[in-house]
Amino acid sequence: MATWKGFIKVLVYFVLLLIAACPSWAAHPLITDDTGTQGKGKYQLELNGQYDWDEEEVEGVSIKSAGGEVAGTLSYGIAENVDLVFSMPYLWGKVEESNITVCDEKGIGDAVLEVKMRLFEKNGFSLAFKPGMSFPSGNEEKGLGTGKLGGHLFLIATQELESWAFHANMGYIRNENNADEHKDLWHASLATTWEVVKDLNLVVNVGIERNPYDEAKNDPAFIIGGIIYSINEKIDVDLGAKCGLTEPETDFTLLTGVAFRF
């Protein structure tokens, strides 16, 4: 069996698996957001799912973790350039240590409420500002939430060039918690979309965040590749894969979703 230090690391992997991403993100499967808003009086409902798989070795002990998330995100345009966004996830995850299950939990996670405001737009370039709050609706004892109110603030930039679009995010996350994690986290990411044919976009996304754990040797970084297909003006479907570029990031995540606009 692993030492006490090793067991703590097992719990760390489990919590990371379940609550790694607090803010609601961009056009799925991207994590990097764009500056687009819905327009006054319009809605968008996103139903997204993911499956995560990770394998690590801690002090000679094999640790396998698997889990996933189903999330619903509702956006409403309170003005042409301002959206109100609410997201609620349902999470599940399982961790095995030397093929023995040590964690197996499921339930709702922490809800997120955000406001996206597009502040500037000219010649295909735009800037947006997105503050948000997370609410402790997830069970902290099961690793499904932080147990405290949290917050975040993101600056978003988008440049559109014919069939291409480029997006950049810089963010601050106030990680209030009871688990001795860092409370001040940062996020940086870049994404691009390319409309290869009408209504079909290829997407690529890379990013990195500060690791919340003192003992971590590096920060979690990722790369995403995927597609977004617009069935019509009201419905998009997507499929993507996310791979970890550093050890703290989940090894592999399969992403899929659908967005309805009305």
Protein backbone atom coordinates (compact mmCIF):
# COMPACT_ATOMS: atom_id res chain seq x y z
CA MET A 1 0.00 0.00 0.00
CA ALA A 2 1.06 3.58 -0.53
CA THR A 3 2.30 5.79 2.29
CA TRP A 4 0.10 8.50 3.81
CA LYS A 5 1.75 11.01 1.46
CA GLY A 6 0.90 8.76 -1.47
CA PHE A 7 -2.72 8.48 -0.34
CA ILE A 8 -3.00 12.27 -0.19
CA LYS A 9 -1.78 12.39 -3.79
CA VAL A 10 -4.49 9.90 -4.74
CA LEU A 11 -7.10 12.25 -3.33
CA VAL A 12 -5.47 15.16 -5.15
CA TYR A 13 -5.82 13.33 -8.50
CA PHE A 14 -9.46 12.54 -7.70
CA VAL A 15 -10.35 16.13 -6.85
CA LEU A 16 -8.55 17.42 -9.95
CA LEU A 17 -10.50 14.93 -12.06
CA LEU A 18 -13.84 16.17 -10.75
CA ILE A 19 -13.49 19.94 -10.30
CA ALA A 20 -10.64 21.01 -12.55
CA ALA A 21 -12.65 23.54 -14.56
CA CYS A 22 -14.79 25.98 -12.59
CA PRO A 23 -15.76 28.65 -15.15
CA SER A 24 -18.14 27.80 -17.98
CA TRP A 25 -16.15 27.79 -21.19
CA ALA A 26 -16.38 28.68 -24.85
CA ALA A 27 -17.87 27.10 -27.95
CA HIS A 28 -17.47 23.45 -27.07
CA PRO A 29 -15.10 21.57 -27.35
CA LEU A 30 -12.88 24.65 -26.86
CA ILE A 31 -11.85 25.81 -23.40
CA THR A 32 -10.68 29.23 -24.64
CA ASP A 33 -13.67 31.56 -24.88
CA ASP A 34 -14.51 33.96 -27.71
CA THR A 35 -15.99 37.46 -27.53
CA GLY A 36 -19.30 36.51 -29.18
CA THR A 37 -22.59 37.23 -27.41
CA GLN A 38 -26.13 36.02 -28.10
CA GLY A 39 -27.81 39.35 -28.84
CA LYS A 40 -30.52 41.05 -26.82
CA GLY A 41 -33.38 38.75 -25.83
CA LYS A 42 -31.80 35.62 -27.35
CA TYR A 43 -30.90 32.36 -25.61
CA GLN A 44 -28.40 29.55 -26.07
CA LEU A 45 -28.60 26.20 -24.30
CA GLU A 46 -25.49 23.98 -24.33
CA LEU A 47 -25.51 20.34 -23.25
CA ASN A 48 -21.94 19.07 -23.00
CA GLY A 49 -20.36 15.84 -21.86
CA GLN A 50 -16.85 14.54 -21.30
CA TYR A 51 -15.09 11.35 -20.29
CA ASP A 52 -11.69 11.57 -18.53
CA TRP A 53 -9.00 8.94 -18.15
CA ASP A 54 -5.67 9.25 -16.32
CA GLU A 55 -2.94 6.93 -15.08
CA GLU A 56 -0.08 7.84 -12.75
CA GLU A 57 2.52 6.09 -10.61
CA VAL A 58 3.09 7.42 -7.09
CA GLU A 59 5.88 5.89 -5.00
CA GLY A 60 5.70 2.70 -7.05
CA VAL A 61 1.90 2.42 -6.80
CA SER A 62 -0.24 2.48 -9.95
CA ILE A 63 -3.10 4.98 -9.75
CA LYS A 64 -5.84 4.89 -12.37
CA SER A 65 -8.64 7.44 -12.45
CA ALA A 66 -11.67 7.72 -14.72
CA GLY A 67 -14.72 9.89 -14.63
CA GLY A 68 -16.74 12.44 -16.47
CA GLU A 69 -19.10 15.35 -16.49
CA VAL A 70 -22.42 16.31 -18.03
CA ALA A 71 -23.12 20.04 -17.89
CA GLY A 72 -25.93 22.32 -18.92
CA THR A 73 -25.14 25.98 -19.69
CA LEU A 74 -27.82 28.59 -20.40
CA SER A 75 -26.83 31.96 -21.88
CA TYR A 76 -29.22 34.93 -22.19
CA GLY A 77 -28.54 38.18 -24.00
CA ILE A 78 -29.52 41.00 -21.66
CA ALA A 79 -28.11 43.45 -24.24
CA GLU A 80 -26.60 43.15 -27.72
CA ASN A 81 -23.11 42.92 -26.21
CA VAL A 82 -23.87 41.50 -22.74
CA ASP A 83 -24.74 37.88 -21.81
CA LEU A 84 -25.79 36.37 -18.50
CA VAL A 85 -24.50 32.76 -18.27
CA PHE A 86 -25.48 30.02 -15.80
CA SER A 87 -23.88 26.57 -15.73
CA MET A 88 -24.58 23.46 -13.64
CA PRO A 89 -22.45 20.27 -13.87
CA TYR A 90 -23.10 16.69 -12.83
CA LEU A 91 -19.85 14.85 -12.03
CA TRP A 92 -18.68 11.31 -11.45
CA GLY A 93 -15.27 9.80 -10.87
CA LYS A 94 -13.47 6.67 -9.72
CA VAL A 95 -9.87 6.14 -8.57
CA GLU A 96 -8.15 2.77 -8.30
CA GLU A 97 -4.91 2.20 -6.40
CA SER A 98 -3.22 -1.04 -7.49
CA ASN A 99 -6.60 -2.13 -8.93
CA ILE A 100 -8.37 -1.45 -5.61
CA THR A 101 -11.06 1.24 -5.67
CA VAL A 102 -10.25 3.98 -3.15
CA CYS A 103 -12.66 6.69 -4.38
CA ASP A 104 -15.97 6.40 -6.23
CA GLU A 105 -18.29 9.42 -6.10
CA LYS A 106 -20.93 11.18 -8.18
CA GLY A 107 -23.29 14.12 -7.87
CA ILE A 108 -23.83 17.74 -8.84
CA GLY A 109 -20.84 20.06 -8.81
CA ASP A 110 -20.47 23.76 -8.09
CA ALA A 111 -22.79 26.01 -10.10
CA VAL A 112 -21.34 29.00 -11.96
CA LEU A 113 -22.92 32.38 -12.78
CA GLU A 114 -21.13 34.75 -15.17
CA VAL A 115 -21.56 37.96 -17.15
CA LYS A 116 -19.82 38.33 -20.51
CA MET A 117 -19.44 41.93 -21.76
CA ARG A 118 -18.00 42.73 -25.19
CA LEU A 119 -16.25 46.07 -24.70
CA PHE A 120 -14.61 46.82 -28.07
CA GLU A 121 -15.06 45.77 -31.70
CA LYS A 122 -13.31 47.04 -34.84
CA ASN A 123 -12.00 45.52 -38.10
CA GLY A 124 -12.61 41.95 -36.97
CA PHE A 125 -10.87 42.48 -33.61
CA SER A 126 -12.85 42.49 -30.36
CA LEU A 127 -12.30 42.44 -26.60
CA ALA A 128 -14.58 41.08 -23.87
CA PHE A 129 -14.57 40.95 -20.10
CA LYS A 130 -16.09 38.01 -18.17
CA PRO A 131 -16.40 38.06 -14.38
CA GLY A 132 -18.09 35.15 -12.61
CA MET A 133 -18.85 33.42 -9.34
CA SER A 134 -18.98 29.75 -8.38
CA PHE A 135 -21.42 28.55 -5.71
CA PRO A 136 -20.75 25.62 -3.32
CA SER A 137 -23.59 23.42 -4.58
CA GLY A 138 -21.32 20.37 -4.87
CA ASN A 139 -20.63 18.08 -1.91
CA GLU A 140 -17.22 19.12 -0.57
CA GLU A 141 -16.73 15.92 1.46
CA LYS A 142 -17.11 13.82 -1.70
CA GLY A 143 -14.69 16.01 -3.68
CA LEU A 144 -17.50 17.39 -5.85
CA GLY A 145 -17.03 21.03 -4.89
CA THR A 146 -14.84 23.50 -3.02
CA GLY A 147 -17.23 24.18 -0.13
CA LYS A 148 -16.89 27.95 -0.56
CA LEU A 149 -17.90 30.79 -2.84
CA GLY A 150 -15.33 31.36 -5.54
CA GLY A 151 -14.78 33.85 -8.31
CA HIS A 152 -12.95 34.46 -11.54
CA LEU A 153 -12.22 37.21 -14.02
CA PHE A 154 -11.27 36.69 -17.68
CA LEU A 155 -10.07 39.01 -20.43
CA ILE A 156 -10.97 37.66 -23.88
CA ALA A 157 -9.63 38.73 -27.28
CA THR A 158 -10.83 37.58 -30.72
CA GLN A 159 -9.48 38.29 -34.20
CA GLU A 160 -11.48 37.18 -37.24
CA LEU A 161 -9.75 36.80 -40.63
CA GLU A 162 -12.02 35.45 -43.38
CA SER A 163 -12.48 31.71 -42.65
CA TRP A 164 -10.17 31.86 -39.60
CA ALA A 165 -10.73 33.09 -36.06
CA PHE A 166 -8.16 33.39 -33.28
CA HIS A 167 -8.95 33.67 -29.56
CA ALA A 168 -6.84 34.42 -26.48
CA ASN A 169 -7.81 34.27 -22.79
CA MET A 170 -6.05 35.55 -19.70
CA GLY A 171 -7.76 34.79 -16.43
CA TYR A 172 -7.59 35.05 -12.66
CA ILE A 173 -9.40 32.47 -10.50
CA ARG A 174 -10.04 33.01 -6.79
CA ASN A 175 -9.92 29.42 -5.56
CA GLU A 176 -11.54 29.67 -2.12
CA ASN A 177 -11.26 26.24 -0.50
CA ASN A 178 -10.77 24.26 2.71
CA ALA A 179 -8.09 21.96 1.30
CA ASP A 180 -4.93 24.10 1.73
CA GLU A 181 -4.77 24.76 -2.01
CA HIS A 182 -3.45 27.99 -3.53
CA LYS A 183 -6.25 30.53 -3.55
CA ASP A 184 -4.84 32.67 -6.35
CA LEU A 185 -4.72 30.86 -9.70
CA TRP A 186 -4.05 32.08 -13.25
CA HIS A 187 -5.11 30.77 -16.65
CA ALA A 188 -3.70 31.42 -20.13
CA SER A 189 -4.89 29.84 -23.38
CA LEU A 190 -5.04 30.26 -27.16
CA ALA A 191 -7.43 28.77 -29.72
CA THR A 192 -8.09 28.92 -33.44
CA THR A 193 -11.03 27.86 -35.60
CA TRP A 194 -10.97 27.28 -39.36
CA GLU A 195 -14.09 26.89 -41.48
CA VAL A 196 -12.82 24.29 -43.94
CA VAL A 197 -16.17 24.05 -45.72
CA LYS A 198 -19.48 25.78 -45.08
CA ASP A 199 -20.80 25.03 -41.57
CA LEU A 200 -17.82 22.78 -40.63
CA ASN A 201 -15.05 24.15 -38.40
CA LEU A 202 -11.83 22.51 -37.29
CA VAL A 203 -10.59 23.75 -33.89
CA VAL A 204 -7.32 23.65 -31.97
CA ASN A 205 -6.77 24.86 -28.40
CA VAL A 206 -3.76 25.01 -26.07
CA GLY A 207 -3.56 26.33 -22.53
CA ILE A 208 -2.04 26.22 -19.06
CA GLU A 209 -3.17 27.00 -15.50
CA ARG A 210 -1.38 27.42 -12.21
CA ASN A 211 -1.32 24.19 -10.22
CA PRO A 212 -3.18 24.71 -6.91
CA TYR A 213 -0.92 22.31 -4.99
CA ASP A 214 2.35 23.33 -3.29
CA GLU A 215 4.06 19.99 -3.90
CA ALA A 216 3.36 20.03 -7.65
CA LYS A 217 6.47 20.19 -9.82
CA ASN A 218 4.74 21.85 -12.77
CA ASP A 219 1.43 23.27 -13.97
CA PRO A 220 -1.31 21.43 -15.89
CA ALA A 221 -1.16 22.18 -19.64
CA PHE A 222 -3.37 20.78 -22.41
CA ILE A 223 -4.02 20.61 -26.14
CA ILE A 224 -7.45 20.08 -27.75
CA GLY A 225 -8.37 19.15 -31.30
CA GLY A 226 -11.90 18.85 -32.59
CA ILE A 227 -14.71 19.77 -34.97
CA ILE A 228 -17.86 21.88 -34.76
CA TYR A 229 -20.65 21.28 -37.28
CA SER A 230 -23.61 23.63 -37.69
CA ILE A 231 -26.67 21.58 -38.63
CA ASN A 232 -28.50 24.87 -39.20
CA GLU A 233 -28.49 28.40 -37.78
CA LYS A 234 -30.01 27.13 -34.52
CA ILE A 235 -28.07 23.92 -33.76
CA ASP A 236 -24.36 23.07 -33.49
CA VAL A 237 -22.83 19.71 -32.61
CA ASP A 238 -19.21 19.08 -31.69
CA LEU A 239 -16.65 16.40 -30.97
CA GLY A 240 -13.13 16.77 -29.60
CA ALA A 241 -10.23 15.20 -27.71
CA LYS A 242 -8.13 16.82 -24.99
CA CYS A 243 -4.65 15.52 -24.12
CA GLY A 244 -2.40 16.46 -21.23
CA LEU A 245 0.94 18.06 -22.09
CA THR A 246 2.25 17.89 -18.53
CA GLU A 247 1.93 15.26 -15.78
CA PRO A 248 -0.64 17.12 -13.60
CA GLU A 249 -3.08 17.38 -16.52
CA THR A 250 -5.54 14.55 -17.17
CA ASP A 251 -4.03 12.19 -19.77
CA PHE A 252 -7.03 12.01 -22.10
CA THR A 253 -10.52 13.51 -22.29
CA LEU A 254 -13.19 12.82 -24.88
CA LEU A 255 -15.49 15.82 -25.42
CA THR A 256 -18.88 16.10 -27.10
CA GLY A 257 -21.76 18.52 -27.03
CA VAL A 258 -24.72 20.21 -28.69
CA ALA A 259 -25.82 23.87 -28.64
CA PHE A 260 -29.34 25.17 -29.29
CA ARG A 261 -30.04 28.85 -30.02
CA PHE A 262 -33.50 30.36 -29.76
